[in-house]
Amino acid sequence: MTSTESQKSFLDAIAHIDWQLEAGLHDDARDAFEHALTKLATPEDLDRLTRLAETFTNDPYVAWVHAVVATLSM
């Protein structure tokens, strides 16, 4: 699997997890998130998630702006 395929798989998993959460399938989403983190995420993905978590924790407004920009650039 190429890094692009791995990235797409991870992003696809995250999108599916978002759907599961919206559908109220929290247990399934939790299991899928664990799988995405342990099997699909690259070290770069994990670093990005860590930075996002730090931003959400330390500066929620900046995190919101970043989330909007990321969503618009998809």
PDB file of N, CA and C in Angstrom:
ATOM      1  N   MET A   1       0.846  -1.170   0.000  1.00  0.00           N
ATOM      2  CA  MET A   1       0.000   0.000   0.000  1.00  0.00           C
ATOM      3  C   MET A   1       0.892   1.234   0.000  1.00  0.00           C
ATOM      4  N   THR A   2       0.627   2.169  -0.896  1.00  0.00           N
ATOM      5  CA  THR A   2       1.405   3.401  -0.954  1.00  0.00           C
ATOM      6  C   THR A   2       0.963   4.339   0.153  1.00  0.00           C
ATOM      7  N   SER A   3       1.785   5.380   0.412  1.00  0.00           N
ATOM      8  CA  SER A   3       1.406   6.323   1.466  1.00  0.00           C
ATOM      9  C   SER A   3       0.139   7.070   1.084  1.00  0.00           C
ATOM     10  N   THR A   4      -0.066   7.312  -0.206  1.00  0.00           N
ATOM     11  CA  THR A   4      -1.293   7.980  -0.655  1.00  0.00           C
ATOM     12  C   THR A   4      -2.498   7.089  -0.393  1.00  0.00           C
ATOM     13  N   GLU A   5      -2.364   5.789  -0.665  1.00  0.00           N
ATOM     14  CA  GLU A   5      -3.458   4.857  -0.389  1.00  0.00           C
ATOM     15  C   GLU A   5      -3.730   4.760   1.107  1.00  0.00           C
ATOM     16  N   SER A   6      -2.659   4.756   1.905  1.00  0.00           N
ATOM     17  CA  SER A   6      -2.817   4.709   3.351  1.00  0.00           C
ATOM     18  C   SER A   6      -3.526   5.964   3.842  1.00  0.00           C
ATOM     19  N   GLN A   7      -3.115   7.123   3.315  1.00  0.00           N
ATOM     20  CA  GLN A   7      -3.741   8.375   3.710  1.00  0.00           C
ATOM     21  C   GLN A   7      -5.217   8.364   3.348  1.00  0.00           C
ATOM     22  N   LYS A   8      -5.531   7.916   2.117  1.00  0.00           N
ATOM     23  CA  LYS A   8      -6.928   7.873   1.687  1.00  0.00           C
ATOM     24  C   LYS A   8      -7.725   6.924   2.585  1.00  0.00           C
ATOM     25  N   SER A   9      -7.152   5.777   2.925  1.00  0.00           N
ATOM     26  CA  SER A   9      -7.836   4.831   3.800  1.00  0.00           C
ATOM     27  C   SER A   9      -8.102   5.446   5.165  1.00  0.00           C
ATOM     28  N   PHE A  10      -7.125   6.159   5.709  1.00  0.00           N
ATOM     29  CA  PHE A  10      -7.293   6.795   7.008  1.00  0.00           C
ATOM     30  C   PHE A  10      -8.368   7.870   6.931  1.00  0.00           C
ATOM     31  N   LEU A  11      -8.312   8.707   5.915  1.00  0.00           N
ATOM     32  CA  LEU A  11      -9.313   9.760   5.758  1.00  0.00           C
ATOM     33  C   LEU A  11     -10.700   9.179   5.506  1.00  0.00           C
ATOM     34  N   ASP A  12     -10.770   8.108   4.733  1.00  0.00           N
ATOM     35  CA  ASP A  12     -12.053   7.435   4.518  1.00  0.00           C
ATOM     36  C   ASP A  12     -12.609   6.911   5.844  1.00  0.00           C
ATOM     37  N   ALA A  13     -11.714   6.342   6.656  1.00  0.00           N
ATOM     38  CA  ALA A  13     -12.145   5.823   7.959  1.00  0.00           C
ATOM     39  C   ALA A  13     -12.659   6.951   8.848  1.00  0.00           C
ATOM     40  N   ILE A  14     -11.972   8.082   8.843  1.00  0.00           N
ATOM     41  CA  ILE A  14     -12.401   9.219   9.651  1.00  0.00           C
ATOM     42  C   ILE A  14     -13.761   9.728   9.178  1.00  0.00           C
ATOM     43  N   ALA A  15     -13.951   9.787   7.873  1.00  0.00           N
ATOM     44  CA  ALA A  15     -15.245  10.222   7.336  1.00  0.00           C
ATOM     45  C   ALA A  15     -16.352   9.255   7.760  1.00  0.00           C
ATOM     46  N   HIS A  16     -16.058   7.960   7.723  1.00  0.00           N
ATOM     47  CA  HIS A  16     -17.054   6.964   8.132  1.00  0.00           C
ATOM     48  C   HIS A  16     -17.342   7.080   9.630  1.00  0.00           C
ATOM     49  N   ILE A  17     -16.323   7.344  10.423  1.00  0.00           N
ATOM     50  CA  ILE A  17     -16.503   7.524  11.863  1.00  0.00           C
ATOM     51  C   ILE A  17     -17.404   8.728  12.120  1.00  0.00           C
ATOM     52  N   ASP A  18     -17.214   9.795  11.368  1.00  0.00           N
ATOM     53  CA  ASP A  18     -18.072  10.971  11.505  1.00  0.00           C
ATOM     54  C   ASP A  18     -19.523  10.584  11.240  1.00  0.00           C
ATOM     55  N   TRP A  19     -19.748   9.803  10.197  1.00  0.00           N
ATOM     56  CA  TRP A  19     -21.109   9.345   9.888  1.00  0.00           C
ATOM     57  C   TRP A  19     -21.660   8.499  11.039  1.00  0.00           C
ATOM     58  N   GLN A  20     -20.836   7.594  11.568  1.00  0.00           N
ATOM     59  CA  GLN A  20     -21.292   6.746  12.672  1.00  0.00           C
ATOM     60  C   GLN A  20     -21.696   7.588  13.887  1.00  0.00           C
ATOM     61  N   LEU A  21     -20.910   8.604  14.192  1.00  0.00           N
ATOM     62  CA  LEU A  21     -21.244   9.475  15.319  1.00  0.00           C
ATOM     63  C   LEU A  21     -22.548  10.217  15.068  1.00  0.00           C
ATOM     64  N   GLU A  22     -22.724  10.725  13.858  1.00  0.00           N
ATOM     65  CA  GLU A  22     -23.968  11.427  13.513  1.00  0.00           C
ATOM     66  C   GLU A  22     -25.172  10.491  13.603  1.00  0.00           C
ATOM     67  N   ALA A  23     -24.954   9.210  13.295  1.00  0.00           N
ATOM     68  CA  ALA A  23     -26.029   8.227  13.331  1.00  0.00           C
ATOM     69  C   ALA A  23     -26.260   7.659  14.736  1.00  0.00           C
ATOM     70  N   GLY A  24     -25.466   8.111  15.705  1.00  0.00           N
ATOM     71  CA  GLY A  24     -25.624   7.628  17.069  1.00  0.00           C
ATOM     72  C   GLY A  24     -24.988   6.280  17.337  1.00  0.00           C
ATOM     73  N   LEU A  25     -24.109   5.854  16.448  1.00  0.00           N
ATOM     74  CA  LEU A  25     -23.437   4.550  16.596  1.00  0.00           C
ATOM     75  C   LEU A  25     -22.104   4.735  17.317  1.00  0.00           C
ATOM     76  N   HIS A  26     -22.172   5.187  18.551  1.00  0.00           N
ATOM     77  CA  HIS A  26     -20.972   5.581  19.279  1.00  0.00           C
ATOM     78  C   HIS A  26     -20.021   4.426  19.554  1.00  0.00           C
ATOM     79  N   ASP A  27     -20.542   3.263  19.894  1.00  0.00           N
ATOM     80  CA  ASP A  27     -19.662   2.113  20.141  1.00  0.00           C
ATOM     81  C   ASP A  27     -18.936   1.709  18.869  1.00  0.00           C
ATOM     82  N   ASP A  28     -19.659   1.676  17.749  1.00  0.00           N
ATOM     83  CA  ASP A  28     -19.033   1.341  16.464  1.00  0.00           C
ATOM     84  C   ASP A  28     -17.982   2.383  16.090  1.00  0.00           C
ATOM     85  N   ALA A  29     -18.297   3.654  16.328  1.00  0.00           N
ATOM     86  CA  ALA A  29     -17.360   4.736  16.016  1.00  0.00           C
ATOM     87  C   ALA A  29     -16.093   4.602  16.860  1.00  0.00           C
ATOM     88  N   ARG A  30     -16.258   4.267  18.112  1.00  0.00           N
ATOM     89  CA  ARG A  30     -15.100   4.101  18.999  1.00  0.00           C
ATOM     90  C   ARG A  30     -14.205   2.968  18.492  1.00  0.00           C
ATOM     91  N   ASP A  31     -14.810   1.853  18.114  1.00  0.00           N
ATOM     92  CA  ASP A  31     -14.037   0.724  17.585  1.00  0.00           C
ATOM     93  C   ASP A  31     -13.347   1.095  16.272  1.00  0.00           C
ATOM     94  N   ALA A  32     -14.068   1.795  15.399  1.00  0.00           N
ATOM     95  CA  ALA A  32     -13.499   2.188  14.110  1.00  0.00           C
ATOM     96  C   ALA A  32     -12.355   3.185  14.297  1.00  0.00           C
ATOM     97  N   PHE A  33     -12.496   4.083  15.279  1.00  0.00           N
ATOM     98  CA  PHE A  33     -11.443   5.057  15.541  1.00  0.00           C
ATOM     99  C   PHE A  33     -10.186   4.361  16.038  1.00  0.00           C
ATOM    100  N   GLU A  34     -10.357   3.397  16.926  1.00  0.00           N
ATOM    101  CA  GLU A  34      -9.204   2.628  17.408  1.00  0.00           C
ATOM    102  C   GLU A  34      -8.503   1.934  16.248  1.00  0.00           C
ATOM    103  N   HIS A  35      -9.279   1.320  15.359  1.00  0.00           N
ATOM    104  CA  HIS A  35      -8.704   0.655  14.186  1.00  0.00           C
ATOM    105  C   HIS A  35      -7.979   1.662  13.292  1.00  0.00           C
ATOM    106  N   ALA A  36      -8.599   2.809  13.056  1.00  0.00           N
ATOM    107  CA  ALA A  36      -7.975   3.830  12.205  1.00  0.00           C
ATOM    108  C   ALA A  36      -6.647   4.291  12.793  1.00  0.00           C
ATOM    109  N   LEU A  37      -6.615   4.485  14.099  1.00  0.00           N
ATOM    110  CA  LEU A  37      -5.382   4.946  14.742  1.00  0.00           C
ATOM    111  C   LEU A  37      -4.291   3.890  14.751  1.00  0.00           C
ATOM    112  N   THR A  38      -4.667   2.642  15.019  1.00  0.00           N
ATOM    113  CA  THR A  38      -3.656   1.601  15.188  1.00  0.00           C
ATOM    114  C   THR A  38      -3.256   0.910  13.897  1.00  0.00           C
ATOM    115  N   LYS A  39      -4.132   0.919  12.896  1.00  0.00           N
ATOM    116  CA  LYS A  39      -3.839   0.166  11.666  1.00  0.00           C
ATOM    117  C   LYS A  39      -3.660   1.039  10.427  1.00  0.00           C
ATOM    118  N   LEU A  40      -4.306   2.194  10.372  1.00  0.00           N
ATOM    119  CA  LEU A  40      -4.309   2.981   9.139  1.00  0.00           C
ATOM    120  C   LEU A  40      -3.488   4.264   9.216  1.00  0.00           C
ATOM    121  N   ALA A  41      -3.383   4.851  10.386  1.00  0.00           N
ATOM    122  CA  ALA A  41      -2.729   6.150  10.523  1.00  0.00           C
ATOM    123  C   ALA A  41      -1.216   6.039  10.355  1.00  0.00           C
ATOM    124  N   THR A  42      -0.679   6.991   9.610  1.00  0.00           N
ATOM    125  CA  THR A  42       0.770   7.104   9.469  1.00  0.00           C
ATOM    126  C   THR A  42       1.301   7.928  10.642  1.00  0.00           C
ATOM    127  N   PRO A  43       2.605   7.936  10.856  1.00  0.00           N
ATOM    128  CA  PRO A  43       3.156   8.810  11.895  1.00  0.00           C
ATOM    129  C   PRO A  43       2.771  10.284  11.673  1.00  0.00           C
ATOM    130  N   GLU A  44       2.678  10.701  10.428  1.00  0.00           N
ATOM    131  CA  GLU A  44       2.277  12.079  10.125  1.00  0.00           C
ATOM    132  C   GLU A  44       0.819  12.321  10.541  1.00  0.00           C
ATOM    133  N   ASP A  45      -0.046  11.335  10.293  1.00  0.00           N
ATOM    134  CA  ASP A  45      -1.444  11.448  10.716  1.00  0.00           C
ATOM    135  C   ASP A  45      -1.535  11.590  12.233  1.00  0.00           C
ATOM    136  N   LEU A  46      -0.782  10.776  12.941  1.00  0.00           N
ATOM    137  CA  LEU A  46      -0.811  10.820  14.402  1.00  0.00           C
ATOM    138  C   LEU A  46      -0.284  12.152  14.921  1.00  0.00           C
ATOM    139  N   ASP A  47       0.765  12.670  14.281  1.00  0.00           N
ATOM    140  CA  ASP A  47       1.293  13.983  14.663  1.00  0.00           C
ATOM    141  C   ASP A  47       0.244  15.066  14.426  1.00  0.00           C
ATOM    142  N   ARG A  48      -0.431  15.011  13.282  1.00  0.00           N
ATOM    143  CA  ARG A  48      -1.473  15.990  12.963  1.00  0.00           C
ATOM    144  C   ARG A  48      -2.605  15.924  13.990  1.00  0.00           C
ATOM    145  N   LEU A  49      -3.018  14.715  14.352  1.00  0.00           N
ATOM    146  CA  LEU A  49      -4.087  14.568  15.343  1.00  0.00           C
ATOM    147  C   LEU A  49      -3.654  15.098  16.710  1.00  0.00           C
ATOM    148  N   THR A  50      -2.409  14.867  17.072  1.00  0.00           N
ATOM    149  CA  THR A  50      -1.890  15.384  18.343  1.00  0.00           C
ATOM    150  C   THR A  50      -1.907  16.904  18.347  1.00  0.00           C
ATOM    151  N   ARG A  51      -1.449  17.508  17.248  1.00  0.00           N
ATOM    152  CA  ARG A  51      -1.452  18.965  17.165  1.00  0.00           C
ATOM    153  C   ARG A  51      -2.876  19.523  17.203  1.00  0.00           C
ATOM    154  N   LEU A  52      -3.811  18.849  16.526  1.00  0.00           N
ATOM    155  CA  LEU A  52      -5.205  19.289  16.570  1.00  0.00           C
ATOM    156  C   LEU A  52      -5.770  19.207  17.988  1.00  0.00           C
ATOM    157  N   ALA A  53      -5.489  18.108  18.671  1.00  0.00           N
ATOM    158  CA  ALA A  53      -5.983  17.951  20.041  1.00  0.00           C
ATOM    159  C   ALA A  53      -5.414  19.039  20.946  1.00  0.00           C
ATOM    160  N   GLU A  54      -4.138  19.347  20.781  1.00  0.00           N
ATOM    161  CA  GLU A  54      -3.531  20.413  21.579  1.00  0.00           C
ATOM    162  C   GLU A  54      -4.184  21.756  21.267  1.00  0.00           C
ATOM    163  N   THR A  55      -4.448  22.004  19.991  1.00  0.00           N
ATOM    164  CA  THR A  55      -5.073  23.270  19.602  1.00  0.00           C
ATOM    165  C   THR A  55      -6.491  23.358  20.147  1.00  0.00           C
ATOM    166  N   PHE A  56      -7.266  22.287  20.022  1.00  0.00           N
ATOM    167  CA  PHE A  56      -8.637  22.286  20.542  1.00  0.00           C
ATOM    168  C   PHE A  56      -8.640  22.536  22.051  1.00  0.00           C
ATOM    169  N   THR A  57      -7.659  21.990  22.731  1.00  0.00           N
ATOM    170  CA  THR A  57      -7.587  22.128  24.180  1.00  0.00           C
ATOM    171  C   THR A  57      -7.140  23.530  24.583  1.00  0.00           C
ATOM    172  N   ASN A  58      -6.127  24.048  23.900  1.00  0.00           N
ATOM    173  CA  ASN A  58      -5.510  25.304  24.317  1.00  0.00           C
ATOM    174  C   ASN A  58      -6.142  26.553  23.719  1.00  0.00           C
ATOM    175  N   ASP A  59      -6.729  26.442  22.546  1.00  0.00           N
ATOM    176  CA  ASP A  59      -7.278  27.630  21.890  1.00  0.00           C
ATOM    177  C   ASP A  59      -8.445  27.224  20.998  1.00  0.00           C
ATOM    178  N   PRO A  60      -9.624  27.010  21.582  1.00  0.00           N
ATOM    179  CA  PRO A  60     -10.770  26.490  20.825  1.00  0.00           C
ATOM    180  C   PRO A  60     -11.162  27.330  19.612  1.00  0.00           C
ATOM    181  N   TYR A  61     -11.037  28.663  19.685  1.00  0.00           N
ATOM    182  CA  TYR A  61     -11.410  29.493  18.537  1.00  0.00           C
ATOM    183  C   TYR A  61     -10.492  29.221  17.350  1.00  0.00           C
ATOM    184  N   VAL A  62      -9.193  29.155  17.594  1.00  0.00           N
ATOM    185  CA  VAL A  62      -8.241  28.865  16.523  1.00  0.00           C
ATOM    186  C   VAL A  62      -8.530  27.482  15.952  1.00  0.00           C
ATOM    187  N   ALA A  63      -8.855  26.528  16.812  1.00  0.00           N
ATOM    188  CA  ALA A  63      -9.170  25.178  16.352  1.00  0.00           C
ATOM    189  C   ALA A  63     -10.381  25.197  15.437  1.00  0.00           C
ATOM    190  N   TRP A  64     -11.378  25.988  15.782  1.00  0.00           N
ATOM    191  CA  TRP A  64     -12.574  26.080  14.952  1.00  0.00           C
ATOM    192  C   TRP A  64     -12.223  26.639  13.583  1.00  0.00           C
ATOM    193  N   VAL A  65     -11.411  27.676  13.534  1.00  0.00           N
ATOM    194  CA  VAL A  65     -10.999  28.269  12.252  1.00  0.00           C
ATOM    195  C   VAL A  65     -10.229  27.248  11.428  1.00  0.00           C
ATOM    196  N   HIS A  66      -9.313  26.518  12.038  1.00  0.00           N
ATOM    197  CA  HIS A  66      -8.562  25.496  11.317  1.00  0.00           C
ATOM    198  C   HIS A  66      -9.483  24.415  10.775  1.00  0.00           C
ATOM    199  N   ALA A  67     -10.464  24.017  11.552  1.00  0.00           N
ATOM    200  CA  ALA A  67     -11.402  22.980  11.109  1.00  0.00           C
ATOM    201  C   ALA A  67     -12.196  23.464   9.910  1.00  0.00           C
ATOM    202  N   VAL A  68     -12.619  24.708   9.933  1.00  0.00           N
ATOM    203  CA  VAL A  68     -13.375  25.259   8.805  1.00  0.00           C
ATOM    204  C   VAL A  68     -12.493  25.315   7.560  1.00  0.00           C
ATOM    205  N   VAL A  69     -11.269  25.782   7.706  1.00  0.00           N
ATOM    206  CA  VAL A  69     -10.346  25.866   6.563  1.00  0.00           C
ATOM    207  C   VAL A  69     -10.065  24.471   6.017  1.00  0.00           C
ATOM    208  N   ALA A  70      -9.835  23.508   6.883  1.00  0.00           N
ATOM    209  CA  ALA A  70      -9.565  22.141   6.436  1.00  0.00           C
ATOM    210  C   ALA A  70     -10.768  21.565   5.694  1.00  0.00           C
ATOM    211  N   THR A  71     -11.954  21.823   6.193  1.00  0.00           N
ATOM    212  CA  THR A  71     -13.159  21.322   5.549  1.00  0.00           C
ATOM    213  C   THR A  71     -13.328  21.955   4.164  1.00  0.00           C
ATOM    214  N   LEU A  72     -13.069  23.230   4.069  1.00  0.00           N
ATOM    215  CA  LEU A  72     -13.236  23.920   2.779  1.00  0.00           C
ATOM    216  C   LEU A  72     -12.184  23.495   1.764  1.00  0.00           C
ATOM    217  N   SER A  73     -11.031  23.026   2.231  1.00  0.00           N
ATOM    218  CA  SER A  73      -9.981  22.655   1.286  1.00  0.00           C
ATOM    219  C   SER A  73     -10.064  21.198   0.849  1.00  0.00           C
ATOM    220  N   MET A  74     -11.056  20.453   1.329  1.00  0.00           N
ATOM    221  CA  MET A  74     -11.205  19.040   0.944  1.00  0.00           C
ATOM    222  C   MET A  74     -11.757  18.930  -0.459  1.00  0.00           C
TER     223      MET A  74
END
